[in-house]
Protein backbone atom coordinates (compact mmCIF):
# COMPACT_ATOMS: atom_id res chain seq x y z
CA MET A 1 50.22 -94.11 117.55
CA ARG A 2 49.44 -95.65 114.18
CA ARG A 3 49.96 -99.39 114.00
CA ASP A 4 52.01 -100.64 111.05
CA TYR A 5 50.24 -102.88 108.60
CA ASN A 6 51.09 -106.52 109.20
CA PRO A 7 49.32 -109.00 106.86
CA ARG A 8 49.83 -111.89 109.25
CA HIS A 9 48.38 -109.93 112.17
CA TRP A 10 45.29 -108.85 110.25
CA ARG A 11 44.69 -112.34 108.88
CA GLU A 12 44.83 -113.70 112.41
CA GLU A 13 42.46 -110.99 113.65
CA LEU A 14 40.02 -111.76 110.85
CA ARG A 15 40.25 -115.48 111.60
CA MET A 16 39.43 -114.85 115.28
CA ARG A 17 36.49 -112.60 114.41
CA VAL A 18 35.06 -115.19 112.04
CA ALA A 19 35.57 -117.94 114.63
CA TRP A 20 33.68 -116.06 117.33
CA VAL A 21 30.88 -115.05 114.97
CA ARG A 22 30.49 -118.66 113.85
CA LEU A 23 30.56 -119.84 117.46
CA ALA A 24 27.87 -117.35 118.47
CA ALA A 25 25.75 -118.39 115.51
CA SER A 26 26.13 -122.09 116.32
CA ILE A 27 25.19 -121.49 119.95
CA ALA A 28 22.11 -119.57 118.82
CA LEU A 29 21.05 -122.45 116.58
CA VAL A 30 21.52 -124.97 119.39
CA LEU A 31 19.51 -122.83 121.78
CA LEU A 32 16.73 -122.25 119.28
CA SER A 33 16.55 -125.98 118.62
CA ALA A 34 16.38 -126.64 122.34
CA ALA A 35 13.57 -124.12 122.70
CA ALA A 36 11.70 -125.67 119.77
CA PHE A 37 11.81 -129.10 121.43
CA GLY A 38 11.22 -127.80 124.94
CA ASP A 39 8.32 -130.21 125.47
CA ASP A 40 10.78 -133.09 125.45
CA LEU A 41 12.94 -131.52 128.17
CA ALA A 42 12.46 -131.33 131.93
CA GLY A 43 11.27 -127.73 131.69
CA PRO A 44 11.19 -124.66 129.44
CA VAL A 45 14.56 -123.61 128.04
CA THR A 46 15.54 -120.04 128.87
CA PHE A 47 18.69 -118.74 127.22
CA VAL A 48 20.37 -115.44 127.90
CA PRO A 49 20.57 -112.96 124.97
CA TRP A 50 24.34 -112.53 125.14
CA LYS A 51 26.06 -110.24 122.65
CA VAL A 52 29.69 -111.04 121.81
CA LEU A 53 31.85 -107.91 121.71
CA MET A 54 34.80 -107.84 119.36
CA PRO A 55 38.01 -106.13 120.56
CA GLY A 56 37.63 -102.40 120.05
CA ASP A 57 33.84 -102.52 120.00
CA ALA A 58 32.13 -100.05 122.32
CA PRO A 59 29.43 -101.74 124.42
CA PRO A 60 25.96 -100.23 124.02
CA LYS A 61 24.82 -97.79 126.68
CA SER A 62 22.55 -99.27 129.32
CA PRO A 63 21.62 -98.48 132.96
CA LEU A 64 23.40 -101.69 133.97
CA THR A 65 25.67 -103.97 131.95
CA LEU A 66 26.77 -107.47 132.84
CA PHE A 67 30.06 -108.46 131.21
CA TRP A 68 30.86 -112.16 131.04
CA ILE A 69 34.47 -113.05 130.23
CA PRO A 70 34.76 -116.76 129.37
CA ALA A 71 38.17 -118.39 129.64
CA SER A 72 37.97 -119.54 126.02
CA ALA A 73 35.59 -120.16 123.14
CA ASP A 74 35.09 -123.69 124.44
CA ASP A 75 34.25 -122.36 127.90
CA PHE A 76 31.68 -120.05 126.32
CA LYS A 77 30.12 -122.93 124.42
CA HIS A 78 29.67 -125.20 127.46
CA SER A 79 29.02 -122.73 130.29
CA ASP A 80 25.86 -122.69 132.41
CA MET A 81 25.91 -118.92 131.87
CA LEU A 82 24.11 -119.54 128.58
CA PHE A 83 20.95 -120.56 130.44
CA SER A 84 19.37 -118.45 133.18
CA ARG A 85 15.78 -117.39 133.71
CA SER A 86 16.88 -114.64 136.09
CA LEU A 87 19.44 -113.09 133.75
CA THR A 88 17.02 -113.33 130.84
CA ALA A 89 14.38 -111.53 132.90
CA TYR A 90 16.85 -108.82 133.88
CA SER A 91 17.82 -108.35 130.24
CA ALA A 92 14.19 -107.33 129.65
CA GLN A 93 14.77 -104.59 132.26
CA CYS A 94 17.59 -103.08 130.19
CA VAL A 95 20.41 -104.93 131.92
CA ALA A 96 22.71 -105.46 128.93
CA MET A 97 24.36 -108.88 128.57
CA ASP A 98 27.76 -108.64 126.85
CA VAL A 99 30.48 -111.25 126.31
CA VAL A 100 34.10 -110.09 126.34
CA ARG A 101 36.60 -112.30 124.55
CA ALA A 102 39.49 -113.67 126.61
CA ASP A 103 41.97 -112.04 124.20
CA ASP A 104 40.42 -108.57 124.59
CA THR A 105 43.00 -107.46 127.15
CA ALA A 106 42.13 -103.76 126.86
CA MET A 107 38.50 -104.28 127.83
CA ILE A 108 39.39 -106.80 130.52
CA GLU A 109 41.81 -104.32 132.12
CA LYS A 110 39.24 -101.54 131.84
CA LEU A 111 36.74 -103.71 133.71
CA GLY A 112 39.29 -104.49 136.39
CA ALA A 113 38.95 -108.19 135.67
CA SER A 114 42.57 -109.09 134.98
CA GLY A 115 43.36 -112.43 136.56
CA ALA A 116 41.98 -115.93 136.41
CA LEU A 117 39.15 -116.43 133.95
CA PRO A 118 36.23 -116.94 133.58
CA ALA A 119 34.76 -113.98 135.44
CA ALA A 120 31.78 -111.64 135.37
CA VAL A 121 31.58 -107.91 136.06
CA LEU A 122 28.53 -105.70 136.55
CA VAL A 123 28.85 -101.97 135.82
CA ASP A 124 26.52 -98.98 135.80
CA ALA A 125 25.87 -96.54 132.97
CA ASP A 126 29.06 -94.63 133.84
CA GLY A 127 31.21 -97.76 133.75
CA ARG A 128 31.58 -97.91 137.53
CA GLN A 129 32.04 -101.45 138.79
CA LEU A 130 29.14 -102.55 140.99
CA GLY A 131 30.07 -106.17 141.43
CA LYS A 132 32.48 -108.85 140.31
CA VAL A 133 32.21 -112.63 140.35
CA ALA A 134 35.33 -114.78 140.20
CA ASN A 135 35.41 -118.42 139.21
CA GLU A 136 35.71 -121.35 141.57
CA ARG A 137 38.25 -123.88 140.33
CA GLY A 138 37.75 -122.69 136.78
CA VAL A 139 33.95 -122.66 136.92
CA LEU A 140 31.84 -119.49 136.95
CA ARG A 141 28.72 -120.23 138.97
CA VAL A 142 25.67 -118.71 137.32
CA SER A 143 23.88 -118.57 140.69
CA ASP A 144 26.60 -116.25 142.03
CA VAL A 145 26.25 -114.00 138.99
CA GLU A 146 22.46 -113.94 139.34
CA ARG A 147 22.80 -112.91 142.97
CA VAL A 148 25.08 -109.97 142.15
CA VAL A 149 22.69 -108.68 139.48
CA ARG A 150 19.64 -109.21 141.68
CA ASP A 151 21.19 -107.37 144.62
CA GLN A 152 22.19 -104.40 142.49
CA VAL A 153 18.82 -104.15 140.75
CA ARG A 154 17.07 -104.24 144.11
CA ALA A 155 19.46 -101.63 145.50
CA ARG A 156 18.74 -99.36 142.53
CA GLU A 157 14.99 -99.87 142.99
CA ALA A 158 15.32 -98.93 146.67
CA GLU A 159 17.22 -95.77 145.73
CA VAL A 160 14.54 -94.80 143.21
CA ASP A 161 11.79 -95.48 145.78
CA ALA A 162 13.54 -93.07 148.15
CA GLU A 163 13.82 -90.46 145.37
CA LEU A 164 10.14 -90.91 144.59
CA ASP A 165 9.11 -90.36 148.22
CA ALA A 166 11.36 -87.31 148.51
CA ALA A 167 9.85 -85.79 145.36
CA ARG A 168 6.33 -86.33 146.68
CA ARG A 169 7.23 -84.44 149.85
CA LYS A 170 8.82 -81.67 147.81
CA VAL A 171 5.79 -80.98 145.61
CA MET A 172 4.31 -78.40 147.99
CA THR A 173 7.56 -76.50 148.54
CA ASP A 174 9.45 -76.87 145.26
CA ARG A 175 7.18 -78.06 142.48
CA ASP A 176 9.75 -77.58 139.69
CA ALA A 177 12.39 -79.66 141.48
CA ALA A 178 9.83 -82.38 142.14
CA VAL A 179 8.88 -82.46 138.45
CA VAL A 180 12.54 -82.85 137.47
CA THR A 181 12.89 -85.80 139.85
CA PHE A 182 9.68 -87.44 138.62
CA LYS A 183 10.88 -87.09 135.02
CA SER A 184 14.27 -88.60 135.86
CA ILE A 185 12.49 -91.58 137.44
CA TRP A 186 10.31 -91.91 134.34
CA ASP A 187 13.49 -92.09 132.27
CA LEU A 188 14.37 -95.26 134.22
CA ARG A 189 11.11 -96.96 133.23
CA CYS A 190 12.87 -99.93 131.65
CA LEU A 191 14.99 -100.74 134.72
CA CYS A 192 12.42 -99.61 137.32
CA PRO A 193 8.97 -99.92 135.68
CA ARG A 194 6.93 -99.83 138.91
CA GLN A 195 8.54 -96.62 140.13
CA ALA A 196 8.28 -95.07 136.66
CA ARG A 197 4.53 -95.69 136.56
CA ALA A 198 4.19 -94.04 139.97
CA ALA A 199 6.21 -91.04 138.74
CA GLU A 200 3.98 -90.80 135.68
CA ARG A 201 0.88 -90.66 137.89
CA GLU A 202 2.42 -87.91 140.00
CA LEU A 203 3.26 -85.89 136.90
CA LYS A 204 -0.30 -86.23 135.62
CA ARG A 205 -1.61 -84.90 138.96
CA LEU A 206 0.66 -81.91 138.44
CA GLY A 207 -0.63 -81.41 134.93
CA VAL A 208 2.64 -82.43 133.29
CA GLU A 209 2.31 -84.55 130.15
CA LEU A 210 4.96 -86.97 128.99
CA ALA A 211 5.32 -87.06 125.22
CA ASP A 212 6.47 -90.68 125.15
CA ALA A 213 4.12 -92.03 127.83
CA HIS A 214 2.18 -95.12 126.80
């Protein structure tokens, strides 16, 4: 159904968008400054490459996506979720890091995260929820979020290892099916690089070239 034009509503929406964009930019500047002066701190600064989603925005496709829903803009600005070596490392393995605004009720309901905020939800490429972390007395513990992501990445790696072993056994009886499996594992090279390299070697033994192999 088409929504009637309401100048006050659209001005408020624009104001909120500008506020979040400015907040994200200010956080980025603070983090970059901290990284630049890392020698004066107790250790290297590692900040998570969060992307703030505006209401109605479709999150980018990724094998795994971690959605962080802060309770407010102030919560976002001061949360320990901004800094995490583990989450930053997982982002390099194509685990997307997205921030959902507290007023984005449609996305929050879609994620099954309605309730007390802040919260975090991990989903797969099909949007299926793999894990959810609730807050404790209003605080979202980054260590709990790291554990959920770590466990799911390890579980996916174990599944791919099993697929790799099964394909190796299948080579002698069903070469074509084995090739399909090896190629599907290669497609997961960002999330599971070790298994993808093994699949690439198996394909080379079978005389199958990958156009985008490095």
